[in-house]
């Protein structure tokens, strides 16, 4: 999304709004801005899909503004999902869709002429069960970054990074590495290895 709201220019990463049984519309939004700051905002109740903001402002918000952007993002996602029950927009795949929207935002816009890459991961710890993992075909660069961010999100529990603290990257470092990537890369996060590789590699 390219919409911004508020005088501080929060970029909306995800928003949800729908009609409740009382014929009122309720909604919320998740936003970010420079410096890795995140916001969870509740829209005003209203009579339509379009009256959740008034003069670009909203009913209530909670901000996440520590110096670790990934921690801010993860805490904002948790608060956003919790809020979704109070604004009546929650469904079974709500958190999954919001996570996808966040990763799409973090991957950035496609750059003309950027290399095609394959994203992948596998369980790299030798003491664990049979090797598991997955990888994509070669994709446009920022699509591959998006897929790698999705792999990180979906395999976070299985990576058991708390057991390798100080040995591999932590979640914040891993996410930042993918965001800043300009080409092929490989790194360990917990018990997993993740990568972007180019064609012919």
Protein backbone atom coordinates (compact mmCIF):
# COMPACT_ATOMS: atom_id res chain seq x y z
CA UNK A 1 0.00 0.00 0.00
CA UNK A 2 1.20 3.52 -0.69
CA UNK A 3 -1.34 5.37 1.48
CA UNK A 4 0.00 7.51 4.31
CA UNK A 5 -1.99 8.85 7.27
CA UNK A 6 -1.44 11.32 10.07
CA UNK A 7 0.79 14.35 10.24
CA UNK A 8 3.79 12.08 10.88
CA UNK A 9 3.20 10.26 7.58
CA UNK A 10 2.62 6.68 8.68
CA UNK A 11 2.69 4.38 5.64
CA UNK A 12 -0.19 1.90 5.85
CA UNK A 13 1.06 -1.68 5.49
CA UNK A 14 -2.30 -3.33 6.18
CA UNK A 15 -5.82 -2.22 7.03
CA UNK A 16 -9.10 -4.01 7.62
CA UNK A 17 -12.60 -2.64 7.96
CA UNK A 18 -16.02 -4.23 7.74
CA UNK A 19 -19.64 -3.90 8.70
CA UNK A 20 -20.71 -5.32 12.03
CA UNK A 21 -24.16 -6.72 12.88
CA UNK A 22 -25.22 -3.34 14.33
CA UNK A 23 -24.84 -1.78 10.86
CA UNK A 24 -21.75 0.18 11.98
CA UNK A 25 -18.36 -0.19 10.31
CA UNK A 26 -15.28 -0.93 12.41
CA UNK A 27 -11.67 -1.18 11.37
CA UNK A 28 -7.99 -0.80 12.08
CA UNK A 29 -4.65 -0.25 10.37
CA UNK A 30 -1.01 -1.23 10.73
CA UNK A 31 1.59 1.33 9.70
CA UNK A 32 5.30 2.07 9.70
CA UNK A 33 7.61 4.99 9.12
CA UNK A 34 11.27 5.86 8.90
CA UNK A 35 13.50 4.46 11.60
CA UNK A 36 11.72 1.13 11.89
CA UNK A 37 8.85 2.53 13.95
CA UNK A 38 5.45 0.81 13.81
CA UNK A 39 1.92 1.80 14.77
CA UNK A 40 -1.33 -0.08 15.37
CA UNK A 41 -4.36 2.16 15.02
CA UNK A 42 -8.08 1.67 15.54
CA UNK A 43 -10.23 3.51 13.02
CA UNK A 44 -13.32 5.47 13.98
CA UNK A 45 -16.57 3.51 13.88
CA UNK A 46 -18.68 4.85 11.04
CA UNK A 47 -21.47 4.47 8.55
CA UNK A 48 -19.33 3.34 5.60
CA UNK A 49 -16.06 1.73 4.55
CA UNK A 50 -14.60 5.18 3.91
CA UNK A 51 -15.12 7.10 7.15
CA UNK A 52 -12.60 5.37 9.43
CA UNK A 53 -10.18 8.32 9.24
CA UNK A 54 -11.17 11.92 9.98
CA UNK A 55 -8.81 14.50 8.59
CA UNK A 56 -6.25 11.72 8.20
CA UNK A 57 -6.45 10.84 11.90
CA UNK A 58 -7.83 7.84 13.80
CA UNK A 59 -9.60 6.89 17.01
CA UNK A 60 -6.79 5.24 19.01
CA UNK A 61 -3.26 3.98 18.46
CA UNK A 62 -0.34 2.20 20.07
CA UNK A 63 3.22 2.85 18.90
CA UNK A 64 6.30 0.64 18.89
CA UNK A 65 9.48 2.71 18.69
CA UNK A 66 12.50 0.91 20.17
CA UNK A 67 15.82 0.90 18.32
CA UNK A 68 15.25 -2.67 17.01
CA UNK A 69 12.87 -2.44 14.08
CA UNK A 70 12.08 -6.16 13.91
CA UNK A 71 11.09 -6.21 17.58
CA UNK A 72 8.81 -3.23 16.90
CA UNK A 73 7.30 -5.03 13.91
CA UNK A 74 6.72 -8.30 15.77
CA UNK A 75 5.14 -6.54 18.77
CA UNK A 76 2.95 -4.47 16.45
CA UNK A 77 1.77 -7.58 14.61
CA UNK A 78 0.81 -9.22 17.90
CA UNK A 79 -1.09 -6.11 19.04
CA UNK A 80 -2.75 -5.79 15.63
CA UNK A 81 -4.06 -9.36 15.76
CA UNK A 82 -5.32 -8.82 19.31
CA UNK A 83 -7.10 -5.64 18.23
CA UNK A 84 -8.79 -7.44 15.34
CA UNK A 85 -11.20 -9.19 17.69
CA UNK A 86 -12.31 -5.87 19.20
CA UNK A 87 -12.86 -4.33 15.77
CA UNK A 88 -14.66 -7.43 14.47
CA UNK A 89 -12.30 -7.97 11.49
CA UNK A 90 -10.59 -11.17 12.69
CA UNK A 91 -10.86 -14.42 10.76
CA UNK A 92 -8.90 -17.69 10.66
CA UNK A 93 -6.26 -16.43 8.24
CA UNK A 94 -6.02 -12.85 9.51
CA UNK A 95 -2.53 -13.16 11.04
CA UNK A 96 -1.23 -14.99 7.97
CA UNK A 97 -2.48 -12.27 5.59
CA UNK A 98 -1.04 -9.50 7.75
CA UNK A 99 2.33 -11.29 7.93
CA UNK A 100 2.32 -11.55 4.15
CA UNK A 101 1.57 -7.83 3.83
CA UNK A 102 4.43 -6.97 6.20
CA UNK A 103 6.90 -9.15 4.30
CA UNK A 104 5.75 -7.70 0.99
CA UNK A 105 6.39 -4.21 2.37
CA UNK A 106 9.83 -5.17 3.71
CA UNK A 107 10.89 -6.74 0.40
CA UNK A 108 10.34 -3.42 -1.35
CA UNK A 109 9.42 -2.61 -4.92
CA UNK A 110 10.84 -4.51 -7.86
CA UNK A 111 13.88 -2.89 -9.47
CA UNK A 112 14.20 -3.07 -13.24
CA UNK A 113 17.22 -5.13 -14.24
CA UNK A 114 17.74 -6.73 -10.82
CA UNK A 115 18.94 -10.36 -10.96
CA UNK A 116 16.56 -13.28 -10.62
CA UNK A 117 17.15 -15.33 -7.49
CA UNK A 118 15.88 -18.48 -5.85
CA UNK A 119 14.96 -18.31 -2.15
CA UNK A 120 15.35 -21.34 0.08
CA UNK A 121 16.00 -22.82 3.48
CA UNK A 122 16.87 -26.14 5.09
CA UNK A 123 17.38 -27.58 8.55
CA UNK A 124 21.14 -27.47 8.99
CA UNK A 125 21.69 -28.75 12.53
CA UNK A 126 23.28 -32.24 12.24
CA UNK A 127 21.75 -33.58 15.45
CA UNK A 128 18.16 -33.20 14.31
CA UNK A 129 15.86 -35.42 12.29
CA UNK A 130 15.96 -36.00 8.53
CA UNK A 131 16.77 -32.88 6.47
CA UNK A 132 13.80 -30.69 5.65
CA UNK A 133 13.49 -27.47 3.73
CA UNK A 134 12.16 -25.81 0.62
CA UNK A 135 13.17 -23.49 -2.19
CA UNK A 136 11.60 -21.53 -5.01
CA UNK A 137 12.24 -21.30 -8.71
CA UNK A 138 14.26 -18.26 -9.81
CA UNK A 139 12.07 -15.22 -9.28
CA UNK A 140 12.35 -11.47 -9.82
CA UNK A 141 14.72 -10.15 -7.15
CA UNK A 142 12.25 -8.54 -4.75
CA UNK A 143 9.79 -11.43 -5.13
CA UNK A 144 12.61 -13.75 -4.03
CA UNK A 145 13.29 -11.48 -1.03
CA UNK A 146 9.60 -11.63 -0.15
CA UNK A 147 9.65 -15.44 -0.32
CA UNK A 148 12.73 -15.58 1.90
CA UNK A 149 11.07 -13.32 4.47
CA UNK A 150 8.07 -15.66 4.34
CA UNK A 151 10.33 -18.66 4.96
CA UNK A 152 11.85 -16.87 7.95
CA UNK A 153 8.41 -16.13 9.37
CA UNK A 154 6.98 -19.61 8.80
CA UNK A 155 9.98 -21.53 10.12
CA UNK A 156 10.79 -19.31 13.09
CA UNK A 157 9.57 -21.76 15.75
CA UNK A 158 11.32 -24.70 14.10
CA UNK A 159 14.60 -22.79 13.88
CA UNK A 160 14.76 -22.87 17.70
CA UNK A 161 17.00 -19.81 17.64
CA UNK A 162 16.89 -19.51 21.44
CA UNK A 163 19.15 -22.59 21.56
CA UNK A 164 21.84 -20.95 19.41
CA UNK A 165 21.86 -17.46 20.92
CA UNK A 166 25.25 -15.88 20.30
CA UNK A 167 26.14 -18.50 17.68
CA UNK A 168 23.94 -17.49 14.75
CA UNK A 169 22.11 -14.33 13.82
CA UNK A 170 19.07 -13.41 15.88
CA UNK A 171 15.71 -12.71 14.22
CA UNK A 172 16.28 -8.96 13.96
CA UNK A 173 19.68 -9.46 12.32
CA UNK A 174 18.30 -12.10 9.92
CA UNK A 175 15.39 -9.92 8.79
CA UNK A 176 17.65 -6.89 8.37
CA UNK A 177 20.10 -8.97 6.31
CA UNK A 178 17.32 -9.93 3.88
CA UNK A 179 15.96 -6.36 3.68
CA UNK A 180 19.43 -5.00 2.87
CA UNK A 181 20.34 -7.78 0.40
CA UNK A 182 21.42 -6.65 -3.06
CA UNK A 183 22.28 -10.08 -4.46
CA UNK A 184 22.92 -13.73 -3.51
CA UNK A 185 23.40 -14.46 0.19
CA UNK A 186 23.42 -17.27 2.72
CA UNK A 187 23.11 -17.20 6.52
CA UNK A 188 22.30 -19.35 9.53
CA UNK A 189 19.45 -18.50 11.88
CA UNK A 190 19.04 -20.91 14.74
CA UNK A 191 19.11 -24.49 13.46
CA UNK A 192 18.25 -23.44 9.89
CA UNK A 193 20.19 -22.11 6.90
CA UNK A 194 18.54 -19.61 4.53
CA UNK A 195 19.68 -18.34 1.15
CA UNK A 196 19.18 -16.39 -2.04
CA UNK A 197 21.05 -17.85 -5.03
CA UNK A 198 21.33 -16.68 -8.60
CA UNK A 199 20.74 -18.58 -11.81
CA UNK A 200 23.60 -20.96 -12.62
CA UNK A 201 24.69 -21.23 -8.98
